[in-house]
Amino acid sequence: MRAQLKARVQRDLDDDHLESDVYAEQLQMRGGMIDEGTAPKPAHFARFEPVMNADGSIRALRFVFPPYQVAPYVEGTQTVDVPAKIVLPLVAPAYRPLFRAG
């Protein structure tokens, strides 16, 4: 999840064609926001929604991060989709049939 968010930041900064010192400063600041906002605390991952397959099974969980949690306010709400095959081992057995990994 962190890797996806950090890769997105890097792509955005690359697109902005910033001076190298500004680029490095922004990368460090935003990376810190991501690390802090995705620290292993239940409240950090409380907002999520299922991403559905056509057959009604869940193919991923979309974690939703409000402004300021993992990015500056101007970047708005950030989301990361985590595929079912990754989350399935963490899902309670009673709910596993709702998912289709792969």
PDB file of N, CA and C in Angstrom:
ATOM      1  N   MET A   1       0.824  -1.178   0.000  1.00  0.00           N
ATOM      2  CA  MET A   1       0.000   0.000   0.000  1.00  0.00           C
ATOM      3  C   MET A   1       0.877   1.253   0.000  1.00  0.00           C
ATOM      4  N   ARG A   2       1.847   1.266   0.923  1.00  0.00           N
ATOM      5  CA  ARG A   2       2.756   2.416   0.955  1.00  0.00           C
ATOM      6  C   ARG A   2       3.487   2.573  -0.371  1.00  0.00           C
ATOM      7  N   ALA A   3       3.899   1.455  -0.922  1.00  0.00           N
ATOM      8  CA  ALA A   3       4.634   1.504  -2.194  1.00  0.00           C
ATOM      9  C   ALA A   3       3.776   2.118  -3.294  1.00  0.00           C
ATOM     10  N   GLN A   4       2.496   1.770  -3.334  1.00  0.00           N
ATOM     11  CA  GLN A   4       1.598   2.341  -4.343  1.00  0.00           C
ATOM     12  C   GLN A   4       1.459   3.849  -4.161  1.00  0.00           C
ATOM     13  N   LEU A   5       1.280   4.276  -2.923  1.00  0.00           N
ATOM     14  CA  LEU A   5       1.130   5.701  -2.649  1.00  0.00           C
ATOM     15  C   LEU A   5       2.413   6.463  -2.987  1.00  0.00           C
ATOM     16  N   LYS A   6       3.553   5.903  -2.610  1.00  0.00           N
ATOM     17  CA  LYS A   6       4.826   6.574  -2.878  1.00  0.00           C
ATOM     18  C   LYS A   6       5.131   6.607  -4.378  1.00  0.00           C
ATOM     19  N   ALA A   7       4.782   5.549  -5.098  1.00  0.00           N
ATOM     20  CA  ALA A   7       4.987   5.547  -6.547  1.00  0.00           C
ATOM     21  C   ALA A   7       4.120   6.611  -7.208  1.00  0.00           C
ATOM     22  N   ARG A   8       2.900   6.778  -6.723  1.00  0.00           N
ATOM     23  CA  ARG A   8       2.007   7.804  -7.263  1.00  0.00           C
ATOM     24  C   ARG A   8       2.588   9.201  -7.018  1.00  0.00           C
ATOM     25  N   VAL A   9       3.127   9.423  -5.828  1.00  0.00           N
ATOM     26  CA  VAL A   9       3.745  10.719  -5.514  1.00  0.00           C
ATOM     27  C   VAL A   9       4.922  10.967  -6.446  1.00  0.00           C
ATOM     28  N   GLN A  10       5.741   9.956  -6.624  1.00  0.00           N
ATOM     29  CA  GLN A  10       6.916  10.116  -7.477  1.00  0.00           C
ATOM     30  C   GLN A  10       6.506  10.435  -8.921  1.00  0.00           C
ATOM     31  N   ARG A  11       5.491   9.756  -9.437  1.00  0.00           N
ATOM     32  CA  ARG A  11       4.997  10.049 -10.791  1.00  0.00           C
ATOM     33  C   ARG A  11       4.492  11.486 -10.888  1.00  0.00           C
ATOM     34  N   ASP A  12       3.722  11.908  -9.874  1.00  0.00           N
ATOM     35  CA  ASP A  12       3.184  13.271  -9.879  1.00  0.00           C
ATOM     36  C   ASP A  12       4.308  14.309  -9.842  1.00  0.00           C
ATOM     37  N   LEU A  13       5.301  14.068  -9.008  1.00  0.00           N
ATOM     38  CA  LEU A  13       6.419  15.003  -8.920  1.00  0.00           C
ATOM     39  C   LEU A  13       7.234  15.007 -10.214  1.00  0.00           C
ATOM     40  N   ASP A  14       7.404  13.835 -10.815  1.00  0.00           N
ATOM     41  CA  ASP A  14       8.113  13.757 -12.102  1.00  0.00           C
ATOM     42  C   ASP A  14       7.378  14.580 -13.152  1.00  0.00           C
ATOM     43  N   ASP A  15       6.058  14.502 -13.148  1.00  0.00           N
ATOM     44  CA  ASP A  15       5.251  15.252 -14.114  1.00  0.00           C
ATOM     45  C   ASP A  15       5.351  16.768 -13.908  1.00  0.00           C
ATOM     46  N   ASP A  16       5.662  17.169 -12.673  1.00  0.00           N
ATOM     47  CA  ASP A  16       5.755  18.596 -12.360  1.00  0.00           C
ATOM     48  C   ASP A  16       7.092  19.214 -12.788  1.00  0.00           C
ATOM     49  N   HIS A  17       8.079  18.386 -13.133  1.00  0.00           N
ATOM     50  CA  HIS A  17       9.397  18.862 -13.589  1.00  0.00           C
ATOM     51  C   HIS A  17       9.985  19.897 -12.620  1.00  0.00           C
ATOM     52  N   LEU A  18      10.066  19.520 -11.359  1.00  0.00           N
ATOM     53  CA  LEU A  18      10.578  20.420 -10.320  1.00  0.00           C
ATOM     54  C   LEU A  18      12.104  20.456 -10.313  1.00  0.00           C
ATOM     55  N   GLU A  19      12.645  21.517  -9.736  1.00  0.00           N
ATOM     56  CA  GLU A  19      14.086  21.585  -9.495  1.00  0.00           C
ATOM     57  C   GLU A  19      14.452  20.442  -8.543  1.00  0.00           C
ATOM     58  N   SER A  20      15.662  19.930  -8.642  1.00  0.00           N
ATOM     59  CA  SER A  20      16.049  18.743  -7.881  1.00  0.00           C
ATOM     60  C   SER A  20      15.926  18.923  -6.372  1.00  0.00           C
ATOM     61  N   ASP A  21      16.262  20.098  -5.850  1.00  0.00           N
ATOM     62  CA  ASP A  21      16.154  20.299  -4.408  1.00  0.00           C
ATOM     63  C   ASP A  21      14.701  20.344  -3.953  1.00  0.00           C
ATOM     64  N   VAL A  22      13.844  20.969  -4.741  1.00  0.00           N
ATOM     65  CA  VAL A  22      12.407  21.019  -4.429  1.00  0.00           C
ATOM     66  C   VAL A  22      11.814  19.621  -4.541  1.00  0.00           C
ATOM     67  N   TYR A  23      12.208  18.893  -5.575  1.00  0.00           N
ATOM     68  CA  TYR A  23      11.746  17.518  -5.783  1.00  0.00           C
ATOM     69  C   TYR A  23      12.085  16.660  -4.565  1.00  0.00           C
ATOM     70  N   ALA A  24      13.338  16.726  -4.120  1.00  0.00           N
ATOM     71  CA  ALA A  24      13.782  15.922  -2.976  1.00  0.00           C
ATOM     72  C   ALA A  24      13.029  16.303  -1.709  1.00  0.00           C
ATOM     73  N   GLU A  25      12.819  17.596  -1.502  1.00  0.00           N
ATOM     74  CA  GLU A  25      12.089  18.071  -0.325  1.00  0.00           C
ATOM     75  C   GLU A  25      10.647  17.566  -0.335  1.00  0.00           C
ATOM     76  N   GLN A  26       9.986  17.685  -1.480  1.00  0.00           N
ATOM     77  CA  GLN A  26       8.602  17.229  -1.605  1.00  0.00           C
ATOM     78  C   GLN A  26       8.494  15.710  -1.431  1.00  0.00           C
ATOM     79  N   LEU A  27       9.432  14.987  -2.018  1.00  0.00           N
ATOM     80  CA  LEU A  27       9.429  13.523  -1.905  1.00  0.00           C
ATOM     81  C   LEU A  27       9.592  13.095  -0.451  1.00  0.00           C
ATOM     82  N   GLN A  28      10.473  13.751   0.266  1.00  0.00           N
ATOM     83  CA  GLN A  28      10.687  13.430   1.678  1.00  0.00           C
ATOM     84  C   GLN A  28       9.457  13.786   2.514  1.00  0.00           C
ATOM     85  N   MET A  29       8.902  14.982   2.300  1.00  0.00           N
ATOM     86  CA  MET A  29       7.745  15.425   3.076  1.00  0.00           C
ATOM     87  C   MET A  29       6.545  14.515   2.826  1.00  0.00           C
ATOM     88  N   ARG A  30       6.276  14.246   1.561  1.00  0.00           N
ATOM     89  CA  ARG A  30       5.115  13.415   1.232  1.00  0.00           C
ATOM     90  C   ARG A  30       5.322  11.965   1.639  1.00  0.00           C
ATOM     91  N   GLY A  31       6.546  11.486   1.529  1.00  0.00           N
ATOM     92  CA  GLY A  31       6.845  10.128   2.002  1.00  0.00           C
ATOM     93  C   GLY A  31       6.604  10.003   3.492  1.00  0.00           C
ATOM     94  N   GLY A  32       6.961  11.044   4.237  1.00  0.00           N
ATOM     95  CA  GLY A  32       6.703  11.054   5.676  1.00  0.00           C
ATOM     96  C   GLY A  32       5.218  11.036   5.990  1.00  0.00           C
ATOM     97  N   MET A  33       4.444  11.776   5.212  1.00  0.00           N
ATOM     98  CA  MET A  33       2.985  11.769   5.408  1.00  0.00           C
ATOM     99  C   MET A  33       2.424  10.373   5.167  1.00  0.00           C
ATOM    100  N   ILE A  34       2.913   9.716   4.138  1.00  0.00           N
ATOM    101  CA  ILE A  34       2.449   8.366   3.815  1.00  0.00           C
ATOM    102  C   ILE A  34       2.824   7.403   4.938  1.00  0.00           C
ATOM    103  N   ASP A  35       4.072   7.469   5.393  1.00  0.00           N
ATOM    104  CA  ASP A  35       4.511   6.579   6.475  1.00  0.00           C
ATOM    105  C   ASP A  35       3.677   6.786   7.731  1.00  0.00           C
ATOM    106  N   GLU A  36       3.438   8.036   8.076  1.00  0.00           N
ATOM    107  CA  GLU A  36       2.655   8.332   9.275  1.00  0.00           C
ATOM    108  C   GLU A  36       1.189   7.930   9.100  1.00  0.00           C
ATOM    109  N   GLY A  37       0.622   8.234   7.934  1.00  0.00           N
ATOM    110  CA  GLY A  37      -0.800   7.963   7.692  1.00  0.00           C
ATOM    111  C   GLY A  37      -1.141   6.510   7.452  1.00  0.00           C
ATOM    112  N   THR A  38      -0.103   5.688   7.213  1.00  0.00           N
ATOM    113  CA  THR A  38      -0.342   4.245   7.025  1.00  0.00           C
ATOM    114  C   THR A  38       0.327   3.415   8.125  1.00  0.00           C
ATOM    115  N   ALA A  39       0.697   4.078   9.220  1.00  0.00           N
ATOM    116  CA  ALA A  39       1.246   3.345  10.363  1.00  0.00           C
ATOM    117  C   ALA A  39       0.199   2.321  10.813  1.00  0.00           C
ATOM    118  N   PRO A  40       0.641   1.203  11.379  1.00  0.00           N
ATOM    119  CA  PRO A  40      -0.304   0.136  11.735  1.00  0.00           C
ATOM    120  C   PRO A  40      -1.216   0.481  12.913  1.00  0.00           C
ATOM    121  N   LYS A  41      -2.198   1.314  12.622  1.00  0.00           N
ATOM    122  CA  LYS A  41      -3.215   1.695  13.595  1.00  0.00           C
ATOM    123  C   LYS A  41      -4.571   1.449  12.955  1.00  0.00           C
ATOM    124  N   PRO A  42      -5.482   0.790  13.647  1.00  0.00           N
ATOM    125  CA  PRO A  42      -6.795   0.498  13.055  1.00  0.00           C
ATOM    126  C   PRO A  42      -7.504   1.718  12.471  1.00  0.00           C
ATOM    127  N   ALA A  43      -7.391   2.849  13.130  1.00  0.00           N
ATOM    128  CA  ALA A  43      -8.089   4.052  12.640  1.00  0.00           C
ATOM    129  C   ALA A  43      -7.586   4.485  11.263  1.00  0.00           C
ATOM    130  N   HIS A  44      -6.356   4.182  10.944  1.00  0.00           N
ATOM    131  CA  HIS A  44      -5.803   4.566   9.643  1.00  0.00           C
ATOM    132  C   HIS A  44      -6.427   3.788   8.484  1.00  0.00           C
ATOM    133  N   PHE A  45      -7.014   2.647   8.790  1.00  0.00           N
ATOM    134  CA  PHE A  45      -7.573   1.793   7.745  1.00  0.00           C
ATOM    135  C   PHE A  45      -9.063   1.540   7.946  1.00  0.00           C
ATOM    136  N   ALA A  46      -9.719   2.432   8.659  1.00  0.00           N
ATOM    137  CA  ALA A  46     -11.133   2.271   8.984  1.00  0.00           C
ATOM    138  C   ALA A  46     -12.051   2.541   7.798  1.00  0.00           C
ATOM    139  N   ARG A  47     -11.564   3.293   6.820  1.00  0.00           N
ATOM    140  CA  ARG A  47     -12.400   3.628   5.660  1.00  0.00           C
ATOM    141  C   ARG A  47     -11.988   2.757   4.476  1.00  0.00           C
ATOM    142  N   PHE A  48     -12.898   1.902   4.091  1.00  0.00           N
ATOM    143  CA  PHE A  48     -12.643   1.057   2.924  1.00  0.00           C
ATOM    144  C   PHE A  48     -13.966   0.656   2.300  1.00  0.00           C
ATOM    145  N   GLU A  49     -13.877   0.225   1.043  1.00  0.00           N
ATOM    146  CA  GLU A  49     -15.076  -0.216   0.329  1.00  0.00           C
ATOM    147  C   GLU A  49     -14.685  -1.391  -0.560  1.00  0.00           C
ATOM    148  N   PRO A  50     -15.618  -2.281  -0.820  1.00  0.00           N
ATOM    149  CA  PRO A  50     -15.302  -3.405  -1.704  1.00  0.00           C
ATOM    150  C   PRO A  50     -15.265  -2.962  -3.167  1.00  0.00           C
ATOM    151  N   VAL A  51     -14.404  -3.607  -3.928  1.00  0.00           N
ATOM    152  CA  VAL A  51     -14.374  -3.441  -5.381  1.00  0.00           C
ATOM    153  C   VAL A  51     -14.894  -4.765  -5.926  1.00  0.00           C
ATOM    154  N   MET A  52     -16.009  -4.709  -6.650  1.00  0.00           N
ATOM    155  CA  MET A  52     -16.745  -5.914  -7.013  1.00  0.00           C
ATOM    156  C   MET A  52     -16.402  -6.436  -8.417  1.00  0.00           C
ATOM    157  N   ASN A  53     -16.487  -7.756  -8.546  1.00  0.00           N
ATOM    158  CA  ASN A  53     -16.461  -8.410  -9.849  1.00  0.00           C
ATOM    159  C   ASN A  53     -17.881  -8.404 -10.406  1.00  0.00           C
ATOM    160  N   ALA A  54     -18.023  -8.719 -11.676  1.00  0.00           N
ATOM    161  CA  ALA A  54     -19.345  -8.765 -12.310  1.00  0.00           C
ATOM    162  C   ALA A  54     -20.245  -9.807 -11.653  1.00  0.00           C
ATOM    163  N   ASP A  55     -19.653 -10.863 -11.100  1.00  0.00           N
ATOM    164  CA  ASP A  55     -20.449 -11.927 -10.476  1.00  0.00           C
ATOM    165  C   ASP A  55     -20.851 -11.616  -9.032  1.00  0.00           C
ATOM    166  N   GLY A  56     -20.490 -10.434  -8.539  1.00  0.00           N
ATOM    167  CA  GLY A  56     -20.868 -10.037  -7.186  1.00  0.00           C
ATOM    168  C   GLY A  56     -19.843 -10.384  -6.128  1.00  0.00           C
ATOM    169  N   SER A  57     -18.767 -11.049  -6.496  1.00  0.00           N
ATOM    170  CA  SER A  57     -17.704 -11.334  -5.528  1.00  0.00           C
ATOM    171  C   SER A  57     -16.794 -10.112  -5.398  1.00  0.00           C
ATOM    172  N   ILE A  58     -16.072 -10.079  -4.311  1.00  0.00           N
ATOM    173  CA  ILE A  58     -15.167  -8.964  -4.051  1.00  0.00           C
ATOM    174  C   ILE A  58     -13.798  -9.290  -4.637  1.00  0.00           C
ATOM    175  N   ARG A  59     -13.289  -8.401  -5.504  1.00  0.00           N
ATOM    176  CA  ARG A  59     -11.974  -8.637  -6.099  1.00  0.00           C
ATOM    177  C   ARG A  59     -10.871  -7.837  -5.435  1.00  0.00           C
ATOM    178  N   ALA A  60     -11.254  -6.814  -4.640  1.00  0.00           N
ATOM    179  CA  ALA A  60     -10.273  -5.985  -3.936  1.00  0.00           C
ATOM    180  C   ALA A  60     -10.976  -5.184  -2.857  1.00  0.00           C
ATOM    181  N   LEU A  61     -10.188  -4.674  -1.950  1.00  0.00           N
ATOM    182  CA  LEU A  61     -10.683  -3.685  -0.996  1.00  0.00           C
ATOM    183  C   LEU A  61     -10.017  -2.360  -1.341  1.00  0.00           C
ATOM    184  N   ARG A  62     -10.812  -1.321  -1.448  1.00  0.00           N
ATOM    185  CA  ARG A  62     -10.307   0.023  -1.738  1.00  0.00           C
ATOM    186  C   ARG A  62     -10.233   0.774  -0.412  1.00  0.00           C
ATOM    187  N   PHE A  63      -9.017   1.062   0.018  1.00  0.00           N
ATOM    188  CA  PHE A  63      -8.824   1.834   1.238  1.00  0.00           C
ATOM    189  C   PHE A  63      -8.853   3.310   0.869  1.00  0.00           C
ATOM    190  N   VAL A  64      -9.606   4.077   1.651  1.00  0.00           N
ATOM    191  CA  VAL A  64      -9.849   5.486   1.371  1.00  0.00           C
ATOM    192  C   VAL A  64      -9.186   6.315   2.469  1.00  0.00           C
ATOM    193  N   PHE A  65      -8.303   7.205   2.033  1.00  0.00           N
ATOM    194  CA  PHE A  65      -7.573   8.070   2.960  1.00  0.00           C
ATOM    195  C   PHE A  65      -8.021   9.505   2.743  1.00  0.00           C
ATOM    196  N   PRO A  66      -8.610  10.130   3.761  1.00  0.00           N
ATOM    197  CA  PRO A  66      -9.079  11.512   3.609  1.00  0.00           C
ATOM    198  C   PRO A  66      -7.900  12.478   3.468  1.00  0.00           C
ATOM    199  N   PRO A  67      -8.177  13.697   3.005  1.00  0.00           N
ATOM    200  CA  PRO A  67      -7.114  14.699   2.891  1.00  0.00           C
ATOM    201  C   PRO A  67      -6.343  14.839   4.209  1.00  0.00           C
ATOM    202  N   TYR A  68      -5.046  15.038   4.073  1.00  0.00           N
ATOM    203  CA  TYR A  68      -4.086  15.193   5.168  1.00  0.00           C
ATOM    204  C   TYR A  68      -3.603  13.875   5.760  1.00  0.00           C
ATOM    205  N   GLN A  69      -4.282  12.771   5.519  1.00  0.00           N
ATOM    206  CA  GLN A  69      -3.812  11.528   6.140  1.00  0.00           C
ATOM    207  C   GLN A  69      -2.545  11.013   5.464  1.00  0.00           C
ATOM    208  N   VAL A  70      -2.520  11.008   4.134  1.00  0.00           N
ATOM    209  CA  VAL A  70      -1.338  10.504   3.424  1.00  0.00           C
ATOM    210  C   VAL A  70      -0.847  11.464   2.348  1.00  0.00           C
ATOM    211  N   ALA A  71      -1.485  12.607   2.226  1.00  0.00           N
ATOM    212  CA  ALA A  71      -1.111  13.582   1.194  1.00  0.00           C
ATOM    213  C   ALA A  71      -1.615  14.966   1.609  1.00  0.00           C
ATOM    214  N   PRO A  72      -1.003  16.003   1.043  1.00  0.00           N
ATOM    215  CA  PRO A  72      -1.485  17.355   1.335  1.00  0.00           C
ATOM    216  C   PRO A  72      -2.952  17.523   0.932  1.00  0.00           C
ATOM    217  N   TYR A  73      -3.622  18.454   1.574  1.00  0.00           N
ATOM    218  CA  TYR A  73      -5.038  18.693   1.328  1.00  0.00           C
ATOM    219  C   TYR A  73      -5.333  18.915  -0.149  1.00  0.00           C
ATOM    220  N   VAL A  74      -4.462  19.634  -0.838  1.00  0.00           N
ATOM    221  CA  VAL A  74      -4.674  19.951  -2.244  1.00  0.00           C
ATOM    222  C   VAL A  74      -4.751  18.689  -3.110  1.00  0.00           C
ATOM    223  N   GLU A  75      -4.171  17.585  -2.650  1.00  0.00           N
ATOM    224  CA  GLU A  75      -4.214  16.321  -3.398  1.00  0.00           C
ATOM    225  C   GLU A  75      -5.540  15.590  -3.207  1.00  0.00           C
ATOM    226  N   GLY A  76      -6.320  16.017  -2.232  1.00  0.00           N
ATOM    227  CA  GLY A  76      -7.639  15.426  -2.014  1.00  0.00           C
ATOM    228  C   GLY A  76      -7.583  14.049  -1.387  1.00  0.00           C
ATOM    229  N   THR A  77      -8.685  13.354  -1.490  1.00  0.00           N
ATOM    230  CA  THR A  77      -8.806  12.003  -0.964  1.00  0.00           C
ATOM    231  C   THR A  77      -7.962  11.059  -1.812  1.00  0.00           C
ATOM    232  N   GLN A  78      -7.242  10.170  -1.152  1.00  0.00           N
ATOM    233  CA  GLN A  78      -6.404   9.189  -1.837  1.00  0.00           C
ATOM    234  C   GLN A  78      -6.999   7.799  -1.612  1.00  0.00           C
ATOM    235  N   THR A  79      -6.871   6.944  -2.614  1.00  0.00           N
ATOM    236  CA  THR A  79      -7.345   5.569  -2.482  1.00  0.00           C
ATOM    237  C   THR A  79      -6.272   4.600  -2.950  1.00  0.00           C
ATOM    238  N   VAL A  80      -6.325   3.401  -2.391  1.00  0.00           N
ATOM    239  CA  VAL A  80      -5.445   2.314  -2.811  1.00  0.00           C
ATOM    240  C   VAL A  80      -6.277   1.040  -2.841  1.00  0.00           C
ATOM    241  N   ASP A  81      -6.230   0.344  -3.982  1.00  0.00           N
ATOM    242  CA  ASP A  81      -6.920  -0.937  -4.104  1.00  0.00           C
ATOM    243  C   ASP A  81      -5.952  -2.059  -3.739  1.00  0.00           C
ATOM    244  N   VAL A  82      -6.376  -2.899  -2.795  1.00  0.00           N
ATOM    245  CA  VAL A  82      -5.576  -4.050  -2.389  1.00  0.00           C
ATOM    246  C   VAL A  82      -6.312  -5.299  -2.889  1.00  0.00           C
ATOM    247  N   PRO A  83      -5.680  -6.061  -3.789  1.00  0.00           N
ATOM    248  CA  PRO A  83      -6.336  -7.234  -4.380  1.00  0.00           C
ATOM    249  C   PRO A  83      -6.754  -8.265  -3.336  1.00  0.00           C
ATOM    250  N   ALA A  84      -7.821  -8.979  -3.653  1.00  0.00           N
ATOM    251  CA  ALA A  84      -8.359  -9.997  -2.747  1.00  0.00           C
ATOM    252  C   ALA A  84      -7.307 -11.026  -2.366  1.00  0.00           C
ATOM    253  N   LYS A  85      -6.453 -11.405  -3.285  1.00  0.00           N
ATOM    254  CA  LYS A  85      -5.454 -12.434  -2.973  1.00  0.00           C
ATOM    255  C   LYS A  85      -4.510 -11.994  -1.860  1.00  0.00           C
ATOM    256  N   ILE A  86      -4.356 -10.694  -1.673  1.00  0.00           N
ATOM    257  CA  ILE A  86      -3.497 -10.195  -0.604  1.00  0.00           C
ATOM    258  C   ILE A  86      -4.253 -10.119   0.718  1.00  0.00           C
ATOM    259  N   VAL A  87      -5.502  -9.668   0.684  1.00  0.00           N
ATOM    260  CA  VAL A  87      -6.252  -9.508   1.933  1.00  0.00           C
ATOM    261  C   VAL A  87      -6.930 -10.792   2.400  1.00  0.00           C
ATOM    262  N   LEU A  88      -7.148 -11.723   1.494  1.00  0.00           N
ATOM    263  CA  LEU A  88      -7.903 -12.931   1.839  1.00  0.00           C
ATOM    264  C   LEU A  88      -7.348 -13.683   3.055  1.00  0.00           C
ATOM    265  N   PRO A  89      -6.039 -13.846   3.201  1.00  0.00           N
ATOM    266  CA  PRO A  89      -5.540 -14.535   4.396  1.00  0.00           C
ATOM    267  C   PRO A  89      -5.855 -13.809   5.706  1.00  0.00           C
ATOM    268  N   LEU A  90      -6.178 -12.537   5.633  1.00  0.00           N
ATOM    269  CA  LEU A  90      -6.465 -11.742   6.830  1.00  0.00           C
ATOM    270  C   LEU A  90      -7.959 -11.657   7.139  1.00  0.00           C
ATOM    271  N   VAL A  91      -8.771 -12.157   6.231  1.00  0.00           N
ATOM    272  CA  VAL A  91     -10.224 -12.082   6.372  1.00  0.00           C
ATOM    273  C   VAL A  91     -10.719 -13.249   7.223  1.00  0.00           C
ATOM    274  N   ALA A  92     -11.666 -12.973   8.089  1.00  0.00           N
ATOM    275  CA  ALA A  92     -12.253 -14.027   8.922  1.00  0.00           C
ATOM    276  C   ALA A  92     -12.837 -15.118   8.032  1.00  0.00           C
ATOM    277  N   PRO A  93     -12.684 -16.377   8.416  1.00  0.00           N
ATOM    278  CA  PRO A  93     -13.153 -17.494   7.584  1.00  0.00           C
ATOM    279  C   PRO A  93     -14.600 -17.376   7.126  1.00  0.00           C
ATOM    280  N   ALA A  94     -15.456 -16.845   7.952  1.00  0.00           N
ATOM    281  CA  ALA A  94     -16.868 -16.737   7.589  1.00  0.00           C
ATOM    282  C   ALA A  94     -17.098 -15.814   6.397  1.00  0.00           C
ATOM    283  N   TYR A  95     -16.180 -14.877   6.159  1.00  0.00           N
ATOM    284  CA  TYR A  95     -16.343 -13.906   5.083  1.00  0.00           C
ATOM    285  C   TYR A  95     -15.535 -14.229   3.830  1.00  0.00           C
ATOM    286  N   ARG A  96     -14.684 -15.204   3.896  1.00  0.00           N
ATOM    287  CA  ARG A  96     -13.847 -15.551   2.736  1.00  0.00           C
ATOM    288  C   ARG A  96     -14.618 -15.916   1.496  1.00  0.00           C
ATOM    289  N   PRO A  97     -15.780 -16.585   1.592  1.00  0.00           N
ATOM    290  CA  PRO A  97     -16.545 -16.900   0.377  1.00  0.00           C
ATOM    291  C   PRO A  97     -17.009 -15.674  -0.406  1.00  0.00           C
ATOM    292  N   LEU A  98     -17.023 -14.511   0.221  1.00  0.00           N
ATOM    293  CA  LEU A  98     -17.436 -13.295  -0.471  1.00  0.00           C
ATOM    294  C   LEU A  98     -16.375 -12.803  -1.471  1.00  0.00           C
ATOM    295  N   PHE A  99     -15.161 -13.289  -1.314  1.00  0.00           N
ATOM    296  CA  PHE A  99     -14.019 -12.843  -2.114  1.00  0.00           C
ATOM    297  C   PHE A  99     -13.701 -13.848  -3.222  1.00  0.00           C
ATOM    298  N   ARG A 100     -13.175 -13.331  -4.305  1.00  0.00           N
ATOM    299  CA  ARG A 100     -12.614 -14.184  -5.343  1.00  0.00           C
ATOM    300  C   ARG A 100     -11.227 -13.631  -5.646  1.00  0.00           C
ATOM    301  N   ALA A 101     -10.225 -14.370  -5.202  1.00  0.00           N
ATOM    302  CA  ALA A 101      -8.837 -13.943  -5.420  1.00  0.00           C
ATOM    303  C   ALA A 101      -8.373 -14.427  -6.766  1.00  0.00           C
ATOM    304  N   GLY A 102      -7.954 -13.489  -7.576  1.00  0.00           N
ATOM    305  CA  GLY A 102      -7.390 -13.883  -8.864  1.00  0.00           C
ATOM    306  C   GLY A 102      -8.217 -13.434  -9.968  1.00  0.00           C
TER     307      GLY A 102
END
